[in-house]
N, C-alpha and C. Protein backbone atom coordinates (compact mmCIF):
# COMPACT_ATOMS: atom_id res chain seq x y z
N MET A 1 96.84 74.24 102.41
CA MET A 1 96.75 74.89 101.14
C MET A 1 98.14 75.46 100.89
N PHE A 2 98.55 75.40 99.63
CA PHE A 2 99.95 75.95 99.34
C PHE A 2 99.80 77.48 98.77
N PRO A 3 100.79 78.20 98.93
CA PRO A 3 100.70 79.62 98.48
C PRO A 3 100.96 79.83 96.96
N PHE A 4 100.78 78.78 96.21
CA PHE A 4 101.12 78.81 94.75
C PHE A 4 100.08 77.94 94.03
N GLU A 5 100.12 78.11 92.73
CA GLU A 5 99.27 77.15 91.78
C GLU A 5 100.36 76.38 91.10
N GLU A 6 100.07 74.93 90.91
CA GLU A 6 101.03 74.12 90.32
C GLU A 6 100.47 73.50 89.08
N LYS A 7 101.34 73.52 87.99
CA LYS A 7 100.84 72.83 86.77
C LYS A 7 102.00 71.87 86.39
N SER A 8 101.62 70.59 86.11
CA SER A 8 102.72 69.57 85.69
C SER A 8 102.82 69.67 84.19
N VAL A 9 104.13 69.81 83.78
CA VAL A 9 104.42 69.81 82.31
C VAL A 9 104.66 68.39 81.86
N ASP A 10 105.53 67.60 82.71
CA ASP A 10 105.63 66.38 82.57
C ASP A 10 106.09 65.57 83.94
N LYS A 11 106.66 64.39 83.96
CA LYS A 11 106.88 63.67 85.22
C LYS A 11 107.73 64.51 86.08
N GLN A 12 108.78 65.16 85.53
CA GLN A 12 109.87 65.78 86.26
C GLN A 12 109.73 67.36 86.36
N VAL A 13 108.81 67.91 85.48
CA VAL A 13 108.83 69.37 85.42
C VAL A 13 107.43 69.85 85.85
N LYS A 14 107.52 70.87 86.85
CA LYS A 14 106.25 71.42 87.37
C LYS A 14 106.40 72.89 87.28
N ILE A 15 105.53 73.63 86.88
CA ILE A 15 105.51 75.11 87.07
C ILE A 15 104.63 75.60 88.14
N ARG A 16 105.31 76.42 89.12
CA ARG A 16 104.67 76.91 90.30
C ARG A 16 104.55 78.42 89.96
N THR A 17 103.29 78.93 90.21
CA THR A 17 102.98 80.27 90.15
C THR A 17 102.67 80.88 91.51
N PHE A 18 103.33 81.89 91.85
CA PHE A 18 103.01 82.66 93.08
C PHE A 18 102.44 83.99 92.74
N LYS A 19 101.27 84.33 93.23
CA LYS A 19 100.66 85.60 93.08
C LYS A 19 101.41 86.70 93.85
N SER A 20 101.42 87.92 93.19
CA SER A 20 102.16 88.97 93.93
C SER A 20 101.38 89.45 95.17
N SER A 21 100.13 89.06 95.41
CA SER A 21 99.47 89.30 96.48
C SER A 21 99.66 88.31 97.72
N THR A 22 100.52 87.40 97.54
CA THR A 22 100.80 86.39 98.54
C THR A 22 101.53 87.06 99.77
N ASP A 23 100.92 86.79 100.93
CA ASP A 23 101.63 87.40 102.21
C ASP A 23 102.79 86.50 102.46
N ASN A 24 103.83 87.26 103.07
CA ASN A 24 105.08 86.49 103.34
C ASN A 24 104.87 85.43 104.48
N GLU A 25 103.74 85.59 105.28
CA GLU A 25 103.53 84.64 106.30
C GLU A 25 103.16 83.32 105.71
N GLU A 26 102.75 83.28 104.41
CA GLU A 26 102.37 81.99 103.77
C GLU A 26 103.62 81.39 103.27
N LEU A 27 104.63 82.10 103.08
CA LEU A 27 105.97 81.60 102.49
C LEU A 27 106.90 81.24 103.61
N ILE A 28 106.66 79.94 104.09
CA ILE A 28 107.25 79.38 105.22
C ILE A 28 108.64 78.74 104.92
N TRP A 29 109.55 78.69 105.90
CA TRP A 29 110.76 77.84 105.91
C TRP A 29 110.35 76.38 105.62
N HIS A 30 110.99 75.71 104.76
CA HIS A 30 110.64 74.28 104.63
C HIS A 30 111.79 73.52 104.11
N ARG A 31 111.71 72.15 104.16
CA ARG A 31 112.73 71.26 103.48
C ARG A 31 111.99 70.41 102.53
N ASP A 32 112.74 69.97 101.54
CA ASP A 32 112.17 69.06 100.52
C ASP A 32 112.79 67.61 100.76
N VAL A 33 111.96 66.62 100.37
CA VAL A 33 112.35 65.34 100.59
C VAL A 33 113.38 64.72 99.49
N GLU A 34 113.56 65.52 98.40
CA GLU A 34 114.52 65.12 97.43
C GLU A 34 115.19 66.37 96.92
N ASP A 35 116.38 66.17 96.17
CA ASP A 35 117.02 67.27 95.50
C ASP A 35 116.09 67.85 94.44
N ARG A 36 116.16 69.14 94.29
CA ARG A 36 115.41 69.97 93.30
C ARG A 36 116.19 70.96 92.60
N SER A 37 115.81 71.27 91.43
CA SER A 37 116.41 72.37 90.66
C SER A 37 115.26 73.27 90.32
N VAL A 38 115.32 74.59 90.67
CA VAL A 38 114.33 75.62 90.41
C VAL A 38 114.89 76.59 89.46
N ARG A 39 114.08 76.76 88.26
CA ARG A 39 114.34 77.78 87.36
C ARG A 39 113.42 78.93 87.42
N VAL A 40 113.83 80.17 87.51
CA VAL A 40 113.02 81.30 87.67
C VAL A 40 112.56 81.68 86.14
N LEU A 41 111.15 81.69 85.88
CA LEU A 41 110.67 82.07 84.70
C LEU A 41 110.30 83.46 84.47
N GLN A 42 109.69 84.00 85.47
CA GLN A 42 109.40 85.52 85.35
C GLN A 42 109.11 86.07 86.80
N GLY A 43 108.96 87.36 86.93
CA GLY A 43 108.58 87.89 88.19
C GLY A 43 109.57 88.94 88.65
N GLU A 44 109.12 89.88 89.62
CA GLU A 44 109.99 90.98 90.16
C GLU A 44 109.66 91.05 91.52
N GLY A 45 110.77 91.23 92.30
CA GLY A 45 110.53 91.50 93.81
C GLY A 45 110.56 90.24 94.61
N TRP A 46 111.06 89.12 94.13
CA TRP A 46 111.05 87.90 94.85
C TRP A 46 112.49 87.54 95.12
N TYR A 47 112.75 86.99 96.37
CA TYR A 47 114.04 86.47 96.84
C TYR A 47 113.99 85.08 97.30
N PHE A 48 115.21 84.38 97.16
CA PHE A 48 115.39 83.03 97.70
C PHE A 48 116.35 83.13 98.91
N GLN A 49 116.07 82.36 99.91
CA GLN A 49 116.88 82.44 101.12
C GLN A 49 117.16 80.97 101.52
N ARG A 50 118.46 80.58 101.80
CA ARG A 50 118.79 79.26 102.44
C ARG A 50 119.08 79.64 103.89
N GLU A 51 119.02 78.66 104.72
CA GLU A 51 119.27 78.72 106.14
C GLU A 51 120.61 79.27 106.36
N ASP A 52 120.82 80.38 107.22
CA ASP A 52 122.05 80.98 107.61
C ASP A 52 122.71 81.59 106.48
N GLU A 53 121.91 82.11 105.45
CA GLU A 53 122.50 82.88 104.32
C GLU A 53 121.50 84.07 104.11
N LEU A 54 122.05 85.15 103.58
CA LEU A 54 121.26 86.32 103.16
C LEU A 54 120.38 85.93 102.03
N PRO A 55 119.14 86.59 101.89
CA PRO A 55 118.43 86.34 100.64
C PRO A 55 119.07 86.89 99.41
N VAL A 56 118.77 86.16 98.29
CA VAL A 56 119.27 86.62 97.04
C VAL A 56 118.16 86.99 96.17
N LYS A 57 118.19 88.02 95.27
CA LYS A 57 117.11 88.30 94.33
C LYS A 57 116.96 87.37 93.32
N LEU A 58 115.66 87.01 92.95
CA LEU A 58 115.47 86.01 91.84
C LEU A 58 115.28 86.76 90.56
N ASN A 59 115.99 86.44 89.56
CA ASN A 59 115.82 87.03 88.35
C ASN A 59 115.45 86.00 87.27
N PRO A 60 114.67 86.26 86.24
CA PRO A 60 114.27 85.41 85.19
C PRO A 60 115.58 84.80 84.64
N GLY A 61 115.53 83.42 84.50
CA GLY A 61 116.66 82.67 83.97
C GLY A 61 117.53 82.08 85.02
N ASP A 62 117.46 82.58 86.29
CA ASP A 62 118.24 82.01 87.40
C ASP A 62 117.88 80.52 87.59
N VAL A 63 118.79 79.75 87.98
CA VAL A 63 118.59 78.35 88.31
C VAL A 63 119.27 78.16 89.73
N HIS A 64 118.37 77.56 90.65
CA HIS A 64 118.87 77.27 92.09
C HIS A 64 118.75 75.78 92.31
N ALA A 65 119.94 75.26 92.79
CA ALA A 65 119.95 73.74 93.01
C ALA A 65 119.60 73.71 94.59
N ILE A 66 118.74 72.94 94.91
CA ILE A 66 118.25 72.80 96.40
C ILE A 66 118.46 71.35 96.85
N LYS A 67 119.49 71.08 97.70
CA LYS A 67 119.54 69.75 98.08
C LYS A 67 118.61 69.34 99.13
N LYS A 68 118.29 68.07 99.14
CA LYS A 68 117.14 67.52 100.00
C LYS A 68 117.49 67.75 101.47
N CYS A 69 116.47 68.05 102.30
CA CYS A 69 116.58 68.27 103.73
C CYS A 69 117.31 69.60 104.09
N THR A 70 117.45 70.52 103.18
CA THR A 70 117.92 71.76 103.56
C THR A 70 116.87 72.84 103.74
N TRP A 71 117.02 73.71 104.78
CA TRP A 71 116.01 74.67 105.00
C TRP A 71 116.14 75.81 104.04
N HIS A 72 115.02 76.28 103.47
CA HIS A 72 114.99 77.42 102.45
C HIS A 72 113.54 77.96 102.51
N ARG A 73 113.49 79.09 101.73
CA ARG A 73 112.20 79.70 101.58
C ARG A 73 112.35 80.81 100.52
N ILE A 74 111.21 81.27 100.02
CA ILE A 74 111.18 82.35 99.10
C ILE A 74 110.54 83.62 99.88
N ILE A 75 110.89 84.74 99.53
CA ILE A 75 110.30 86.01 100.10
C ILE A 75 109.88 86.94 99.07
N ARG A 76 108.83 87.59 99.28
CA ARG A 76 108.30 88.63 98.36
C ARG A 76 108.55 89.99 99.10
N LYS A 77 109.25 90.84 98.40
CA LYS A 77 109.62 92.15 98.87
C LYS A 77 108.49 93.15 98.40
N ARG A 78 107.92 93.86 99.22
CA ARG A 78 106.96 94.84 98.78
C ARG A 78 107.66 96.12 98.49
N VAL A 79 107.06 96.83 97.43
CA VAL A 79 107.61 98.08 97.10
C VAL A 79 106.68 99.22 97.56
N CYS A 80 107.17 100.19 98.36
CA CYS A 80 106.39 101.27 98.84
C CYS A 80 106.05 102.20 97.70
N SER A 81 104.95 102.45 97.36
CA SER A 81 104.49 103.30 96.31
C SER A 81 104.61 104.86 96.67
N ASN A 82 104.70 105.23 97.95
CA ASN A 82 104.75 106.55 98.35
C ASN A 82 106.19 107.04 98.69
N LEU A 83 107.14 106.28 98.26
CA LEU A 83 108.62 106.75 98.53
C LEU A 83 109.20 107.26 97.25
């Protein structure tokens, strides 16, 4: 089971929705079998990380090109409400 819901818009465009309650343990390092372009539509507190790089914050409108067979993951940063 994947940590997201996916909806196909057409043959090449899919929208993946990650819930804010998703545990980081579910967001594993992985590689894709083909090149992919990812556009951030909405959300707060999410980061994208490539292998051997620091995570970068995902902002609405950002586009990330991911080459096939490269390790990457997304991370959800929790915000402490008592700080």
